[in-house]
Amino acid sequence: MSGFFDKLYSHTVAGLRPSPIREMFHLIRKPGIISFAGGMPDPEIFPVDLFYEAAGILKTQGRDVLQYGTTEGYPPLKEFLRTWTAPRMGRTVEDEEILITAGSSQVSDLLCWSLVDPGDLILIEDPSFLGVFLNMHNHGADFLTVPCDADGMMVDRIPELVESAQRQGRKVKLCYTIANFHNPLGCTLSLQRRKKLLEYAHRYGFAVLEDDPYGYVRFDGEHLPTLFSLDDQGVVVYGGSFSKILAPGTRVGWCAGNREIIRKMAVFKQGVDVCASLVAQALVYEYCRLGHLDGFLPRIVDHYRKKRDAMEAAMRRHLPLEEVSWVKPQGGFFCWAQTKSLDADALFLKAVEKKVAFVPGKAFYPKQDGGQNALRLCFTFASAEQTEEGMSRLGQAMREMLPG
């Protein structure tokens, strides 16, 4: 009975925004397509045998891990993370300061449930990760967008944005940042800007969500201190994930923060999913306990470093360099390419005809007002041979669209 639900939908449905990446998947699933679109890890580097070894915990502790778990997370995994993340956190967080989640995306959802009322404002990088800002939008948030450059979010724009909003009687509740190897830009927030961001958060009274799924996947240079470790007032909630350092199919992430906000998030999680899969948490814990996380992680990083280098070399060989520019990322999964004049949506359709795909840049702008000449390229999934051929096809598509 078509139209039955039309009179039953919530007010939220009226403003619902689907993911443009998910919507385009029907175009890029054609046979022979080389995809640089989805931000997927390479299954060739998944530690299958090591993870299978970790599955032995089901034999020894199956009666416990097949039961319901506590919402806050599997205690042995929490204890491992408290110790393992201490160098990155600047200290060993307390048990009450950490929550295990169903992937890092759930961190933003639970934090929005805890902080954001419809109409509240969130400071966000422009562009940003669409999976999170679509979720924030669906919670009723509005955005104050902050442009980025090679050193990340241009945080000195924040005072003017916040003070203008305050004069209008609006509340700025949160700042969302991907400080390391940004998705989609690939840039990293400089140390000076990290300190400035915290200064503004303390001055204006907004929280900071530091989303760090790529932070451990650094290819070049030294790790910068996390915002969490630099914060002496407890305004930062740090989100981490096993998706990029083990495998996304585990759907296990975590967050660390002030115990009061972690408690509120845990209460909301009780109603969302009771707890993250206890089986998944136990398998991840056993993998870590056996030493495989530390032992295998360098192989993952080296594998993706080679893939990044292969993509950049192929871009230099095949793309029209007079038209396209990019900044070589120091880590993560993505390269952001900027063209001088090409419309990325039209280029996408031309590229798909040649059986190569990327994500047009405007998908990553919270207010849908930028990125018309940009494209995000994921270098982790395709093989070296596919990357070479894919860049050749993309270069052909670009040249066919250029005048003359």
Protein backbone atom coordinates (compact mmCIF):
# COMPACT_ATOMS: atom_id res chain seq x y z
CA MET A 1 0.00 0.00 0.00
CA SER A 2 2.06 2.88 -1.34
CA GLY A 3 2.05 6.06 0.74
CA PHE A 4 0.87 4.37 3.94
CA PHE A 5 3.73 5.81 6.03
CA ASP A 6 3.53 9.36 4.63
CA LYS A 7 1.38 10.59 7.54
CA LEU A 8 3.40 8.66 10.12
CA TYR A 9 6.95 9.84 9.42
CA SER A 10 8.82 11.77 12.11
CA HIS A 11 9.85 15.41 11.60
CA THR A 12 13.43 14.17 11.22
CA VAL A 13 12.61 12.32 8.01
CA ALA A 14 11.82 15.61 6.24
CA GLY A 15 15.47 16.64 6.45
CA LEU A 16 17.02 13.20 6.08
CA ARG A 17 20.16 13.14 3.91
CA PRO A 18 21.39 9.83 2.47
CA SER A 19 25.07 9.14 1.88
CA PRO A 20 25.97 10.09 -1.71
CA ILE A 21 28.71 7.44 -1.68
CA ARG A 22 26.22 4.71 -0.86
CA GLU A 23 23.85 6.10 -3.47
CA MET A 24 26.51 5.93 -6.21
CA PHE A 25 27.51 2.35 -5.45
CA HIS A 26 25.07 1.02 -8.05
CA LEU A 27 27.12 2.85 -10.68
CA ILE A 28 30.51 1.56 -9.57
CA ARG A 29 29.62 -2.09 -9.08
CA LYS A 30 29.73 -2.79 -12.79
CA PRO A 31 32.13 -5.55 -13.91
CA GLY A 32 35.62 -4.28 -14.59
CA ILE A 33 35.31 -1.05 -12.62
CA ILE A 34 38.50 0.02 -10.83
CA SER A 35 37.35 1.86 -7.73
CA PHE A 36 39.20 4.55 -5.82
CA ALA A 37 35.86 5.55 -4.26
CA GLY A 38 35.10 3.63 -1.07
CA GLY A 39 37.52 4.11 1.83
CA MET A 40 38.10 0.40 2.27
CA PRO A 41 41.14 -1.40 3.65
CA ASP A 42 42.87 -3.94 1.45
CA PRO A 43 41.60 -7.45 2.30
CA GLU A 44 44.95 -8.83 1.12
CA ILE A 45 46.56 -7.46 4.31
CA PHE A 46 43.87 -8.68 6.71
CA PRO A 47 45.58 -10.91 9.35
CA VAL A 48 43.23 -13.83 8.70
CA ASP A 49 45.34 -16.60 10.20
CA LEU A 50 46.26 -14.58 13.28
CA PHE A 51 42.64 -13.60 13.85
CA TYR A 52 41.62 -17.22 13.42
CA GLU A 53 44.11 -18.11 16.15
CA ALA A 54 42.42 -15.54 18.39
CA ALA A 55 39.10 -17.33 17.83
CA GLY A 56 40.36 -19.99 20.24
CA ILE A 57 38.91 -17.81 23.00
CA LEU A 58 35.49 -19.11 22.02
CA LYS A 59 36.62 -22.60 22.99
CA THR A 60 38.04 -21.57 26.36
CA GLN A 61 35.62 -18.80 27.35
CA GLY A 62 32.64 -19.33 25.07
CA ARG A 63 30.09 -19.58 27.87
CA ASP A 64 31.01 -16.06 28.94
CA VAL A 65 31.53 -14.31 25.61
CA LEU A 66 28.36 -15.73 24.04
CA GLN A 67 26.34 -14.11 26.84
CA TYR A 68 25.14 -10.51 27.09
CA GLY A 69 27.94 -8.10 27.99
CA THR A 70 28.11 -4.85 29.91
CA THR A 71 27.27 -1.77 27.90
CA GLU A 72 30.58 -0.14 28.81
CA GLY A 73 32.54 -2.91 27.12
CA TYR A 74 34.33 -6.23 27.61
CA PRO A 75 36.51 -5.62 30.70
CA PRO A 76 39.68 -7.35 29.40
CA LEU A 77 39.55 -5.32 26.18
CA LYS A 78 39.03 -2.10 28.12
CA GLU A 79 41.99 -2.94 30.33
CA PHE A 80 44.16 -3.63 27.29
CA LEU A 81 43.16 -0.35 25.66
CA ARG A 82 43.82 1.63 28.81
CA THR A 83 47.43 0.44 28.75
CA TRP A 84 48.00 0.30 25.00
CA THR A 85 46.66 3.81 24.31
CA ALA A 86 48.48 5.45 27.24
CA PRO A 87 51.34 6.84 25.10
CA ARG A 88 48.83 8.39 22.74
CA MET A 89 46.51 9.62 25.48
CA GLY A 90 49.32 11.12 27.55
CA ARG A 91 48.29 8.99 30.53
CA THR A 92 46.49 5.79 31.43
CA VAL A 93 42.80 6.61 31.34
CA GLU A 94 40.56 5.30 34.10
CA ASP A 95 38.11 2.47 33.49
CA GLU A 96 35.18 4.92 33.79
CA GLU A 97 36.73 7.12 31.09
CA ILE A 98 36.55 4.57 28.28
CA LEU A 99 33.60 3.10 26.37
CA ILE A 100 33.70 0.34 23.75
CA THR A 101 31.53 1.13 20.73
CA ALA A 102 30.28 -0.51 17.56
CA GLY A 103 32.93 1.19 15.43
CA SER A 104 34.12 4.77 15.79
CA SER A 105 31.10 6.17 13.94
CA GLN A 106 28.96 5.25 16.93
CA VAL A 107 31.05 7.60 19.07
CA SER A 108 29.70 10.64 17.22
CA ASP A 109 26.15 9.28 17.38
CA LEU A 110 26.24 8.74 21.15
CA LEU A 111 27.93 12.09 21.72
CA CYS A 112 25.22 13.83 19.69
CA TRP A 113 22.53 12.07 21.71
CA SER A 114 24.25 13.40 24.81
CA LEU A 115 24.98 16.99 23.75
CA VAL A 116 23.07 18.13 20.69
CA ASP A 117 19.55 19.53 20.56
CA PRO A 118 17.91 20.42 17.23
CA GLY A 119 19.31 23.73 16.03
CA ASP A 120 22.53 23.52 18.04
CA LEU A 121 25.72 24.35 16.19
CA ILE A 122 28.75 22.15 15.53
CA LEU A 123 32.08 23.48 14.32
CA ILE A 124 33.36 21.22 11.57
CA GLU A 125 36.13 21.10 9.01
CA ASP A 126 35.08 22.04 5.49
CA PRO A 127 35.19 19.49 3.87
CA SER A 128 34.76 16.62 6.34
CA PHE A 129 33.83 12.95 6.66
CA LEU A 130 30.29 12.70 5.36
CA GLY A 131 29.39 9.62 7.41
CA VAL A 132 29.67 11.66 10.60
CA PHE A 133 28.22 14.97 9.46
CA LEU A 134 25.20 13.25 7.91
CA ASN A 135 24.60 11.62 11.29
CA MET A 136 24.98 14.98 13.04
CA HIS A 137 22.59 16.56 10.53
CA ASN A 138 20.06 13.82 11.22
CA HIS A 139 20.31 14.70 14.93
CA GLY A 140 19.17 18.23 14.02
CA ALA A 141 22.55 19.96 14.21
CA ASP A 142 23.53 22.95 12.10
CA PHE A 143 27.14 23.58 11.10
CA LEU A 144 29.71 26.30 11.37
CA THR A 145 32.19 25.28 8.71
CA VAL A 146 35.90 26.02 9.02
CA PRO A 147 38.09 25.84 5.90
CA CYS A 148 41.29 23.79 5.81
CA ASP A 149 44.71 24.02 4.23
CA ALA A 150 47.77 21.76 4.26
CA ASP A 151 48.03 22.22 8.06
CA GLY A 152 44.43 21.21 8.71
CA MET A 153 41.56 23.24 10.10
CA MET A 154 42.19 27.00 9.99
CA VAL A 155 41.30 27.36 13.65
CA ASP A 156 41.83 31.12 13.81
CA ARG A 157 38.48 31.44 12.04
CA ILE A 158 36.74 29.94 15.08
CA PRO A 159 36.42 33.04 17.37
CA GLU A 160 34.58 35.06 14.73
CA LEU A 161 32.24 32.16 13.94
CA VAL A 162 31.44 31.42 17.58
CA GLU A 163 31.00 35.03 18.65
CA SER A 164 28.70 35.71 15.71
CA ALA A 165 26.58 32.69 16.65
CA GLN A 166 26.47 33.78 20.29
CA ARG A 167 25.26 37.24 19.33
CA GLN A 168 22.36 35.50 17.60
CA GLY A 169 21.61 33.56 20.78
CA ARG A 170 22.71 30.22 19.35
CA LYS A 171 24.69 27.51 21.14
CA VAL A 172 27.93 26.08 19.81
CA LYS A 173 28.11 22.68 21.50
CA LEU A 174 30.87 20.79 19.76
CA CYS A 175 33.82 20.89 17.38
CA TYR A 176 34.41 17.80 15.23
CA THR A 177 37.89 17.23 13.84
CA ILE A 178 39.85 14.49 12.11
CA ALA A 179 43.23 15.80 13.21
CA ASN A 180 45.37 13.07 11.65
CA PHE A 181 45.33 12.20 7.92
CA HIS A 182 42.00 13.84 7.36
CA ASN A 183 39.17 12.19 5.45
CA PRO A 184 38.92 13.36 2.67
CA LEU A 185 41.82 15.85 2.57
CA GLY A 186 44.67 13.67 3.86
CA CYS A 187 46.13 16.65 5.81
CA THR A 188 47.18 16.70 9.47
CA LEU A 189 46.36 19.41 12.00
CA SER A 190 49.58 21.14 13.04
CA LEU A 191 50.70 21.19 16.67
CA GLN A 192 50.27 24.97 16.88
CA ARG A 193 46.70 24.70 15.63
CA ARG A 194 45.94 21.85 18.03
CA LYS A 195 46.90 24.08 20.93
CA LYS A 196 44.88 26.98 19.52
CA LEU A 197 41.81 24.79 19.04
CA LEU A 198 41.93 23.77 22.69
CA GLU A 199 42.42 27.37 23.75
CA TYR A 200 39.24 28.32 21.91
CA ALA A 201 37.33 25.29 23.24
CA HIS A 202 38.21 26.30 26.79
CA ARG A 203 37.42 29.97 26.15
CA TYR A 204 34.04 29.46 24.48
CA GLY A 205 32.92 26.34 26.31
CA PHE A 206 32.43 23.82 23.50
CA ALA A 207 33.47 20.16 23.53
CA VAL A 208 35.83 18.61 20.97
CA LEU A 209 35.37 15.26 19.27
CA GLU A 210 38.79 14.05 18.10
CA ASP A 211 38.06 11.33 15.55
CA ASP A 212 41.28 9.35 15.03
CA PRO A 213 40.67 6.19 12.98
CA TYR A 214 43.82 6.74 10.89
CA GLY A 215 46.24 8.07 13.52
CA TYR A 216 48.25 4.87 13.88
CA VAL A 217 48.64 4.55 10.09
CA ARG A 218 51.49 7.09 9.72
CA PHE A 219 53.96 6.62 6.87
CA ASP A 220 56.27 9.59 7.29
CA GLY A 221 57.38 11.91 10.07
CA GLU A 222 56.67 11.82 13.79
CA HIS A 223 53.36 11.38 15.59
CA LEU A 224 51.90 14.62 16.93
CA PRO A 225 50.36 14.68 20.42
CA THR A 226 46.63 14.06 20.44
CA LEU A 227 44.23 16.80 21.41
CA PHE A 228 43.21 14.55 24.30
CA SER A 229 46.76 14.50 25.66
CA LEU A 230 47.07 18.29 25.33
CA ASP A 231 43.76 19.03 27.04
CA ASP A 232 43.96 19.84 30.76
CA GLN A 233 40.26 20.61 31.24
CA GLY A 234 38.56 17.43 30.02
CA VAL A 235 36.70 18.89 27.03
CA VAL A 236 38.01 16.35 24.45
CA VAL A 237 36.35 13.05 23.62
CA TYR A 238 38.78 10.86 21.67
CA GLY A 239 37.43 8.26 19.23
CA GLY A 240 39.48 5.29 18.04
CA SER A 241 38.80 2.23 15.90
CA PHE A 242 40.14 -1.21 15.01
CA SER A 243 38.77 -0.83 11.46
CA LYS A 244 42.02 0.45 9.94
CA ILE A 245 44.53 -1.29 12.22
CA LEU A 246 42.90 -4.75 12.24
CA ALA A 247 39.77 -5.08 10.07
CA PRO A 248 36.51 -3.12 9.69
CA GLY A 249 34.39 -6.25 9.93
CA THR A 250 35.04 -6.42 13.66
CA ARG A 251 32.93 -3.26 14.12
CA VAL A 252 34.81 -2.51 17.33
CA GLY A 253 35.84 1.01 18.30
CA TRP A 254 36.27 2.96 21.50
CA CYS A 255 36.20 6.42 22.96
CA ALA A 256 37.88 8.06 25.92
CA GLY A 257 36.81 11.18 27.74
CA ASN A 258 35.59 12.80 30.93
CA ARG A 259 33.81 10.13 32.98
CA GLU A 260 30.62 12.20 33.15
CA ILE A 261 30.15 12.39 29.39
CA ILE A 262 31.23 8.76 28.96
CA ARG A 263 28.55 7.75 31.46
CA LYS A 264 25.87 9.69 29.55
CA MET A 265 26.97 8.10 26.29
CA ALA A 266 26.85 4.64 27.90
CA VAL A 267 23.28 5.22 29.07
CA PHE A 268 22.21 6.16 25.56
CA LYS A 269 24.05 3.09 24.25
CA GLN A 270 21.95 0.91 26.55
CA GLY A 271 18.93 1.87 24.47
CA VAL A 272 20.69 1.80 21.11
CA ASP A 273 22.22 -1.69 21.07
CA VAL A 274 22.70 -2.86 24.69
CA CYS A 275 26.40 -3.46 23.98
CA ALA A 276 28.83 -3.88 21.12
CA SER A 277 29.08 -7.51 20.04
CA LEU A 278 30.74 -9.33 22.91
CA VAL A 279 32.00 -12.02 20.54
CA ALA A 280 33.74 -9.40 18.40
CA GLN A 281 35.18 -7.67 21.45
CA ALA A 282 36.54 -10.94 22.83
CA LEU A 283 38.13 -11.91 19.52
CA VAL A 284 39.76 -8.48 19.21
CA TYR A 285 41.00 -8.69 22.78
CA GLU A 286 42.54 -12.12 22.27
CA TYR A 287 44.21 -10.95 19.06
CA CYS A 288 45.72 -8.08 21.03
CA ARG A 289 46.65 -10.23 24.05
CA LEU A 290 48.59 -12.60 21.83
CA GLY A 291 50.69 -9.65 20.68
CA HIS A 292 49.38 -9.59 17.12
CA LEU A 293 48.24 -5.95 17.14
CA ASP A 294 51.71 -4.63 17.84
CA GLY A 295 53.36 -7.37 15.79
CA PHE A 296 51.26 -7.00 12.64
CA LEU A 297 50.53 -3.24 12.64
CA PRO A 298 53.94 -2.31 11.12
CA ARG A 299 53.17 -4.62 8.17
CA ILE A 300 49.85 -2.84 7.63
CA VAL A 301 51.53 0.57 7.72
CA ASP A 302 54.28 -0.52 5.31
CA HIS A 303 51.72 -2.10 2.97
CA TYR A 304 49.70 1.12 2.73
CA ARG A 305 52.82 3.29 2.42
CA LYS A 306 53.71 1.35 -0.73
CA LYS A 307 50.17 1.76 -2.02
CA ARG A 308 50.26 5.51 -1.42
CA ASP A 309 53.55 5.76 -3.26
CA ALA A 310 52.23 3.65 -6.14
CA MET A 311 49.17 5.88 -6.51
CA GLU A 312 51.16 9.10 -6.47
CA ALA A 313 53.64 7.75 -9.02
CA ALA A 314 50.74 6.69 -11.27
CA MET A 315 49.08 10.10 -10.87
CA ARG A 316 52.29 11.81 -11.97
CA ARG A 317 52.58 9.52 -14.99
CA HIS A 318 49.01 9.70 -16.23
CA LEU A 319 47.13 12.79 -15.02
CA PRO A 320 47.40 16.19 -16.74
CA LEU A 321 49.68 17.90 -14.22
CA GLU A 322 48.94 21.33 -15.64
CA GLU A 323 45.33 20.77 -14.50
CA VAL A 324 45.54 18.67 -11.31
CA SER A 325 47.33 19.21 -8.00
CA TRP A 326 47.43 17.40 -4.66
CA VAL A 327 49.34 17.20 -1.37
CA LYS A 328 51.07 13.91 -0.62
CA PRO A 329 49.46 12.52 2.58
CA GLN A 330 51.76 11.42 5.42
CA GLY A 331 49.39 8.65 6.42
CA GLY A 332 45.82 7.43 6.27
CA PHE A 333 43.83 6.25 3.27
CA PHE A 334 43.12 9.23 1.03
CA CYS A 335 44.52 11.66 -1.49
CA TRP A 336 42.54 14.83 -2.32
CA ALA A 337 43.06 16.04 -5.88
CA GLN A 338 42.09 19.55 -6.95
CA THR A 339 41.51 20.46 -10.58
CA LYS A 340 41.63 23.98 -11.99
CA SER A 341 38.46 23.80 -14.05
CA LEU A 342 36.98 20.32 -14.37
CA ASP A 343 33.52 19.70 -12.95
CA ALA A 344 33.98 16.66 -10.71
CA ASP A 345 30.43 15.36 -11.18
CA ALA A 346 30.78 15.40 -14.95
CA LEU A 347 34.25 13.88 -14.66
CA PHE A 348 32.82 11.10 -12.49
CA LEU A 349 30.34 10.11 -15.20
CA LYS A 350 33.06 10.23 -17.85
CA ALA A 351 35.37 8.17 -15.66
CA VAL A 352 32.72 5.52 -14.96
CA GLU A 353 32.29 5.14 -18.73
CA LYS A 354 35.99 4.25 -18.77
CA LYS A 355 35.43 1.93 -15.79
CA VAL A 356 37.23 3.87 -13.08
CA ALA A 357 35.59 5.57 -10.09
CA PHE A 358 36.28 8.15 -7.39
CA VAL A 359 34.13 10.32 -5.13
CA PRO A 360 33.34 13.86 -6.34
CA GLY A 361 34.46 16.45 -3.79
CA LYS A 362 31.18 18.19 -3.06
CA ALA A 363 29.89 15.09 -1.25
CA PHE A 364 32.18 16.01 1.66
CA TYR A 365 30.95 19.55 2.25
CA PRO A 366 28.43 19.75 5.12
CA LYS A 367 26.59 22.66 3.51
CA GLN A 368 26.92 21.23 0.00
CA ASP A 369 28.66 24.41 -1.15
CA GLY A 370 32.14 23.36 -2.25
CA GLY A 371 34.32 20.76 -3.87
CA GLN A 372 32.92 21.14 -7.40
CA ASN A 373 36.41 20.77 -8.88
CA ALA A 374 37.84 18.23 -6.42
CA LEU A 375 37.92 14.46 -6.07
CA ARG A 376 38.78 12.03 -3.30
CA LEU A 377 40.93 9.07 -4.21
CA CYS A 378 41.39 6.11 -1.88
CA PHE A 379 44.75 4.41 -2.41
CA THR A 380 44.40 1.45 -0.04
CA PHE A 381 42.02 -0.91 -1.82
CA ALA A 382 43.15 -1.28 -5.43
CA SER A 383 46.19 -3.36 -6.34
CA ALA A 384 49.29 -1.70 -7.80
CA GLU A 385 48.31 -2.97 -11.25
CA GLN A 386 44.76 -1.67 -10.88
CA THR A 387 46.05 1.68 -9.65
CA GLU A 388 48.29 2.05 -12.70
CA GLU A 389 45.50 1.17 -15.10
CA GLY A 390 42.91 3.20 -13.18
CA MET A 391 45.03 6.35 -13.29
CA SER A 392 45.58 5.85 -17.00
CA ARG A 393 41.81 5.71 -17.51
CA LEU A 394 41.22 8.72 -15.25
CA GLY A 395 43.86 10.71 -17.11
CA GLN A 396 42.17 9.90 -20.41
CA ALA A 397 38.81 11.05 -18.99
CA MET A 398 40.32 14.33 -17.80
CA ARG A 399 42.02 15.09 -21.11
CA GLU A 400 38.83 14.44 -23.04
CA MET A 401 37.12 17.12 -20.94
CA LEU A 402 39.85 19.73 -21.32
CA PRO A 403 39.46 22.32 -24.10
CA GLY A 404 41.55 21.87 -27.22
